[in-house]
Protein backbone atom coordinates (compact mmCIF):
# COMPACT_ATOMS: atom_id res chain seq x y z
CA MET A 1 13.79 -10.03 -15.51
CA VAL A 2 10.05 -8.52 -15.97
CA ASN A 3 6.81 -10.00 -17.21
CA PHE A 4 5.23 -7.66 -19.77
CA ASN A 5 1.68 -9.26 -21.41
CA GLY A 6 2.92 -12.81 -20.44
CA ASN A 7 6.63 -11.99 -22.18
CA LEU A 8 9.84 -12.20 -19.71
CA HIS A 9 12.19 -9.66 -20.26
CA PRO A 10 15.23 -8.73 -19.27
CA ASN A 11 14.79 -5.77 -16.28
CA ASP A 12 16.61 -2.79 -18.99
CA SER A 13 14.30 -4.06 -22.10
CA LYS A 14 12.50 -0.11 -23.67
CA ILE A 15 9.05 -1.83 -23.66
CA PHE A 16 7.08 1.34 -23.30
CA GLN A 17 5.91 3.96 -26.33
CA TYR A 18 6.31 7.45 -25.45
CA GLY A 19 2.47 7.73 -25.31
CA ASN A 20 1.99 5.37 -22.40
CA ARG A 21 -0.56 6.40 -20.08
CA GLY A 22 0.27 5.29 -17.26
CA LEU A 23 3.05 7.42 -17.63
CA ARG A 24 1.95 10.71 -19.44
CA PHE A 25 -1.29 10.54 -17.58
CA GLY A 26 -1.33 8.58 -14.44
CA ASP A 27 -4.49 6.17 -15.58
CA ALA A 28 -2.57 2.82 -14.24
CA LEU A 29 -3.14 0.66 -10.80
CA PHE A 30 -1.08 -1.60 -8.99
CA GLU A 31 -0.41 -3.83 -6.32
CA THR A 32 2.84 -4.00 -4.28
CA LEU A 33 3.26 -7.71 -2.88
CA ARG A 34 5.02 -9.86 -1.09
CA TYR A 35 5.73 -13.59 -1.96
CA VAL A 36 7.53 -16.20 0.12
CA SER A 37 8.06 -19.95 -0.79
CA GLY A 38 4.87 -20.66 -2.87
CA ASN A 39 3.15 -18.46 -0.75
CA LEU A 40 1.43 -15.02 -2.24
CA PHE A 41 0.18 -12.74 0.75
CA PHE A 42 -3.32 -11.88 0.85
CA TRP A 43 -3.33 -13.08 -2.31
CA GLU A 44 -7.29 -12.97 -2.98
CA ASP A 45 -7.66 -9.48 -1.09
CA HIS A 46 -5.00 -7.80 -3.66
CA TYR A 47 -6.70 -9.66 -6.63
CA PHE A 48 -10.14 -9.10 -5.25
CA ARG A 49 -8.97 -4.64 -4.87
CA LEU A 50 -7.46 -5.02 -7.78
CA MET A 51 -10.32 -6.26 -9.81
CA ALA A 52 -12.78 -4.04 -8.40
CA SER A 53 -10.61 -0.88 -8.64
CA MET A 54 -10.45 -1.72 -12.64
CA ARG A 55 -14.21 -1.53 -12.55
CA ILE A 56 -14.09 2.38 -10.95
CA LEU A 57 -11.63 3.40 -13.32
CA ARG A 58 -13.63 1.68 -16.16
CA MET A 59 -10.97 0.02 -17.40
CA GLU A 60 -11.60 -3.56 -19.18
CA ILE A 61 -11.29 -6.25 -17.29
CA PRO A 62 -9.51 -9.29 -20.06
CA MET A 63 -11.62 -12.35 -19.34
CA GLU A 64 -7.80 -14.60 -19.04
CA PHE A 65 -7.22 -11.91 -15.26
CA THR A 66 -8.74 -14.49 -13.59
CA LEU A 67 -7.68 -14.45 -10.23
CA GLU A 68 -4.95 -18.12 -11.71
CA PHE A 69 -4.28 -16.68 -14.33
CA LEU A 70 -2.29 -13.83 -12.58
CA GLU A 71 -1.11 -16.33 -9.72
CA GLU A 72 0.46 -18.22 -12.50
CA GLU A 73 1.57 -15.33 -14.02
CA ILE A 74 3.62 -13.87 -11.06
CA SER A 75 4.77 -17.46 -9.91
CA LYS A 76 6.41 -17.88 -13.82
CA THR A 77 8.29 -15.00 -13.11
CA VAL A 78 9.83 -15.32 -9.66
CA GLN A 79 10.92 -18.75 -11.27
CA GLU A 80 13.09 -16.33 -13.72
CA ASN A 81 14.63 -13.92 -11.52
CA GLY A 82 15.14 -16.56 -8.90
CA LEU A 83 13.68 -15.32 -6.33
CA GLU A 84 11.33 -17.96 -4.30
CA ASN A 85 12.68 -18.44 -1.03
CA GLY A 86 10.96 -14.39 -0.65
CA ALA A 87 9.87 -10.85 -3.46
CA ARG A 88 8.82 -7.90 -3.18
CA ILE A 89 6.13 -7.96 -6.20
CA ARG A 90 4.22 -5.10 -8.28
CA LEU A 91 1.94 -5.92 -10.70
CA THR A 92 0.80 -2.72 -12.53
CA VAL A 93 -2.32 -1.93 -14.71
CA PHE A 94 -2.40 0.61 -17.41
CA ARG A 95 -5.31 1.76 -20.13
CA ASN A 96 -3.61 1.42 -23.55
CA GLY A 97 -4.48 3.39 -26.38
CA GLY A 98 -3.28 7.27 -26.70
CA GLY A 99 -5.39 10.45 -27.01
CA LYS A 100 -4.62 13.28 -25.20
CA TYR A 101 -6.91 13.34 -22.10
CA LEU A 102 -9.45 10.55 -23.99
CA PRO A 103 -8.44 7.19 -24.63
CA THR A 104 -9.39 5.26 -27.97
CA THR A 105 -9.79 2.07 -26.03
CA ASN A 106 -10.07 0.94 -22.00
CA ASN A 107 -8.06 -2.50 -22.77
CA VAL A 108 -5.07 -3.08 -20.34
CA SER A 109 -1.92 -3.57 -20.06
CA TYR A 110 -0.13 -5.84 -17.31
CA LEU A 111 3.50 -5.28 -16.35
CA ILE A 112 4.64 -7.61 -12.97
CA ASP A 113 8.80 -6.56 -11.33
CA MET A 114 10.03 -7.65 -8.70
CA GLU A 115 13.23 -7.78 -6.27
CA ALA A 116 14.56 -9.92 -3.27
CA LEU A 117 12.77 -9.44 -0.06
CA GLU A 118 15.36 -8.89 3.11
CA SER A 119 13.49 -11.00 5.44
CA PRO A 120 10.64 -13.87 4.45
CA PHE A 121 7.40 -12.49 7.22
CA TYR A 122 7.06 -9.37 8.78
CA LEU A 123 9.46 -8.37 11.12
CA VAL A 124 9.07 -4.76 14.21
CA ASP A 125 12.12 -2.05 13.31
CA GLU A 126 12.55 -0.97 16.77
CA THR A 127 14.76 2.23 15.08
CA LYS A 128 13.93 5.73 15.32
CA TYR A 129 11.25 6.58 13.54
CA GLU A 130 10.77 9.95 13.35
CA VAL A 131 7.05 11.68 11.76
CA GLU A 132 5.33 14.98 10.91
CA LEU A 133 2.67 16.41 9.04
CA PHE A 134 3.04 17.80 5.46
CA LYS A 135 0.53 20.70 5.49
CA ASP A 136 1.65 22.51 1.79
CA TYR A 137 -1.23 20.16 -0.15
CA TYR A 138 -3.91 18.23 1.43
CA LEU A 139 -5.87 14.68 0.21
CA ASN A 140 -9.16 14.18 -1.42
CA ARG A 141 -12.39 13.02 1.00
CA ASP A 142 -13.25 10.70 -2.27
CA MET A 143 -13.50 6.96 -3.55
CA LEU A 144 -10.32 7.79 -6.53
CA SER A 145 -8.11 8.49 -2.91
CA ASN A 146 -8.64 4.88 -1.50
CA LEU A 147 -7.58 3.39 -5.41
CA LYS A 148 -3.56 2.05 -4.85
CA THR A 149 -3.06 4.02 -8.03
CA THR A 150 0.42 5.49 -9.93
CA ASN A 151 -1.17 9.19 -9.18
CA LYS A 152 0.94 9.28 -6.15
CA ILE A 153 2.49 12.85 -6.48
CA LEU A 154 0.82 14.35 -3.05
CA ASN A 155 2.94 11.35 -1.18
CA VAL A 156 5.79 12.06 -3.80
CA VAL A 157 6.46 15.39 -2.98
CA ALA A 158 5.76 14.92 1.17
CA SER A 159 8.53 11.95 1.41
CA VAL A 160 10.84 14.77 -0.12
CA PHE A 161 10.07 17.33 2.71
CA ALA A 162 10.38 14.30 4.58
CA LYS A 163 14.24 13.44 4.32
CA GLU A 164 15.12 17.21 2.92
CA ASN A 165 14.48 17.74 6.87
CA GLY A 166 15.70 15.32 8.21
CA TYR A 167 12.57 13.10 9.00
CA ASP A 168 11.86 9.49 8.47
CA ASN A 169 8.03 10.13 7.40
CA CYS A 170 5.49 12.16 6.35
CA LEU A 171 1.67 12.31 7.93
CA LEU A 172 -0.61 13.66 5.22
CA VAL A 173 -4.02 15.70 5.70
CA ASN A 174 -6.81 16.04 4.35
CA ASN A 175 -9.23 19.04 3.66
CA ASP A 176 -11.04 18.68 6.28
CA LYS A 177 -7.63 18.67 7.99
CA GLN A 178 -8.16 15.46 9.57
CA VAL A 179 -5.20 13.22 9.74
CA VAL A 180 -5.31 10.16 6.99
CA GLU A 181 -2.09 8.12 6.86
CA ALA A 182 1.47 8.41 5.86
CA THR A 183 3.44 8.27 2.68
CA ASN A 184 3.05 4.79 2.36
CA GLY A 185 0.75 3.85 3.98
CA ASN A 186 -1.94 3.63 6.64
CA LEU A 187 -1.95 5.14 10.43
CA PHE A 188 -2.98 3.78 13.42
CA PHE A 189 -3.90 5.41 16.73
CA VAL A 190 -3.34 3.77 20.48
CA LYS A 191 -4.37 5.39 23.27
CA ASP A 192 -5.11 2.43 26.30
CA ASN A 193 -6.93 -0.09 25.10
CA LYS A 194 -8.40 1.18 21.92
CA VAL A 195 -7.16 1.44 18.53
CA LYS A 196 -8.38 4.07 15.89
CA THR A 197 -7.65 4.55 12.52
CA PRO A 198 -9.41 6.58 9.94
CA PRO A 199 -12.17 5.84 7.92
CA LEU A 200 -12.39 5.10 4.11
CA SER A 201 -14.48 8.47 4.12
CA ASP A 202 -11.03 10.51 5.24
CA GLY A 203 -9.60 9.80 1.48
CA CYS A 204 -6.98 7.48 3.23
CA LEU A 205 -6.35 4.08 1.20
CA ASP A 206 -7.85 1.25 1.47
CA GLY A 207 -4.69 -1.17 2.17
CA ILE A 208 -4.80 -4.45 2.51
CA ILE A 209 -2.72 -4.87 5.56
CA ARG A 210 -5.43 -2.07 7.64
CA LYS A 211 -7.83 -4.50 6.20
CA LYS A 212 -6.91 -7.50 7.63
CA LEU A 213 -5.40 -5.14 11.17
CA ILE A 214 -9.18 -4.36 11.23
CA GLU A 215 -10.25 -8.22 11.32
CA ILE A 216 -7.32 -9.27 14.13
CA ILE A 217 -8.12 -5.98 16.14
CA THR A 218 -12.43 -6.94 15.70
CA ALA A 219 -11.95 -10.99 16.82
CA SER A 220 -9.55 -9.47 19.79
CA GLU A 221 -11.69 -9.21 23.08
CA ASP A 222 -8.25 -7.18 24.62
CA ILE A 223 -8.51 -4.41 22.61
CA GLN A 224 -11.05 -2.61 20.66
CA LEU A 225 -11.20 -0.67 16.99
CA GLU A 226 -12.71 2.25 16.16
CA GLU A 227 -13.00 3.83 12.30
CA GLU A 228 -13.00 7.86 13.27
CA SER A 229 -11.41 10.92 12.08
CA ILE A 230 -7.76 11.45 13.28
CA SER A 231 -7.46 15.44 14.21
CA PRO A 232 -3.65 17.01 14.03
CA PHE A 233 -4.52 17.59 18.07
CA GLU A 234 -4.76 13.65 19.41
CA LEU A 235 -1.88 12.47 18.15
CA GLN A 236 0.26 13.74 20.56
CA LYS A 237 -2.40 12.53 23.41
CA ALA A 238 -1.24 8.46 21.28
CA ASP A 239 0.53 5.88 23.74
CA GLU A 240 1.32 4.66 19.81
CA LEU A 241 1.01 5.00 16.50
CA PHE A 242 2.10 3.18 13.63
CA ILE A 243 2.23 2.80 9.68
CA THR A 244 0.94 -0.50 7.65
CA ASN A 245 1.25 -1.73 4.18
CA SER A 246 1.65 -5.03 2.84
CA ILE A 247 5.38 -5.14 2.26
CA GLN A 248 6.78 -3.91 5.77
CA GLY A 249 3.72 -4.95 7.53
CA ILE A 250 3.94 -2.40 10.74
CA VAL A 251 6.33 0.37 11.04
CA PRO A 252 5.84 1.65 14.85
CA ILE A 253 6.57 5.55 14.49
CA SER A 254 8.58 6.57 17.66
CA LYS A 255 8.54 10.32 17.95
CA TYR A 256 5.91 12.94 16.58
CA ARG A 257 7.42 16.88 17.69
CA LYS A 258 8.32 16.70 21.24
CA LYS A 259 5.91 12.66 21.95
CA GLY A 260 7.72 10.06 22.23
CA TYR A 261 5.56 6.29 21.35
CA GLY A 262 5.43 2.54 22.59
CA ASN A 263 5.04 -0.15 20.15
CA LYS A 264 3.51 -3.30 22.68
CA VAL A 265 -0.13 -3.29 21.03
CA ALA A 266 1.74 -3.10 17.51
CA LYS A 267 4.22 -5.89 17.99
CA GLY A 268 1.52 -7.79 19.94
CA LEU A 269 -0.28 -6.90 16.46
CA LEU A 270 2.48 -8.09 14.92
CA GLY A 271 2.23 -11.31 15.79
CA LYS A 272 -1.32 -12.09 15.18
CA LEU A 273 -0.60 -10.35 11.54
CA ASN A 274 2.21 -12.92 10.46
CA ALA A 275 0.63 -16.06 11.62
CA LYS A 276 -3.01 -14.72 9.40
CA ALA A 277 -0.50 -14.65 6.82
CA ARG A 278 1.18 -18.40 6.90
CA LEU A 279 -2.38 -19.46 7.26
CA GLY A 280 -3.17 -17.57 3.33
């Protein structure tokens, strides 16, 4: 079952009309969340990111769009699907109204859909994970690139490139040829006792797990955090590279070209991330 504006429908329901702006123009935002036994991981962070993103895109925020209202709608949909033990949830918000480009209204609708999670908490996958740079097209260094919109054609094309060439993922670069992120998450670079991640000004997604790891690393006495640009030439000097997102947590990269990487720091951070998720 999916939740469309508070009403539950079978997964195969014909909900959308041909003029849907999310479909026609990518005029939509989304949040991807983990739900485990009544706990929405980092829900407040996801909620406030969604509200801030809606304001940036000049969407009208409905009065009922409170933290509690949306959490209740998500929980209702989880229960209807029998996924209380663990669910991967996508909350999509799109602007209503047609118009060739200019919408006739800034009012919004929302859709909640979900599927079962394989594991209730984040795990480190130690299987081979090889990446390559994607240089056919570039990310823009602006605020729109920080938002989790449905305008992800660059990520899609890069993912297809990775599959066609036998890679597990691709790293995206911006117009200044700096490495920014992976197709499905933020990038972290480890060298000695320092962990580096690109700043938002480079055009990376303002990721929730990125934010949580920054908090964890900043509070640590063993490692230092730097929000600095990463050049392609630095990648082969790293001790570790890993990707972060809200569903997988931390994904260690094992190989980039001829360089192999470890995952010691990634494992340590994952334990702290799981503890932070349990505390809410």
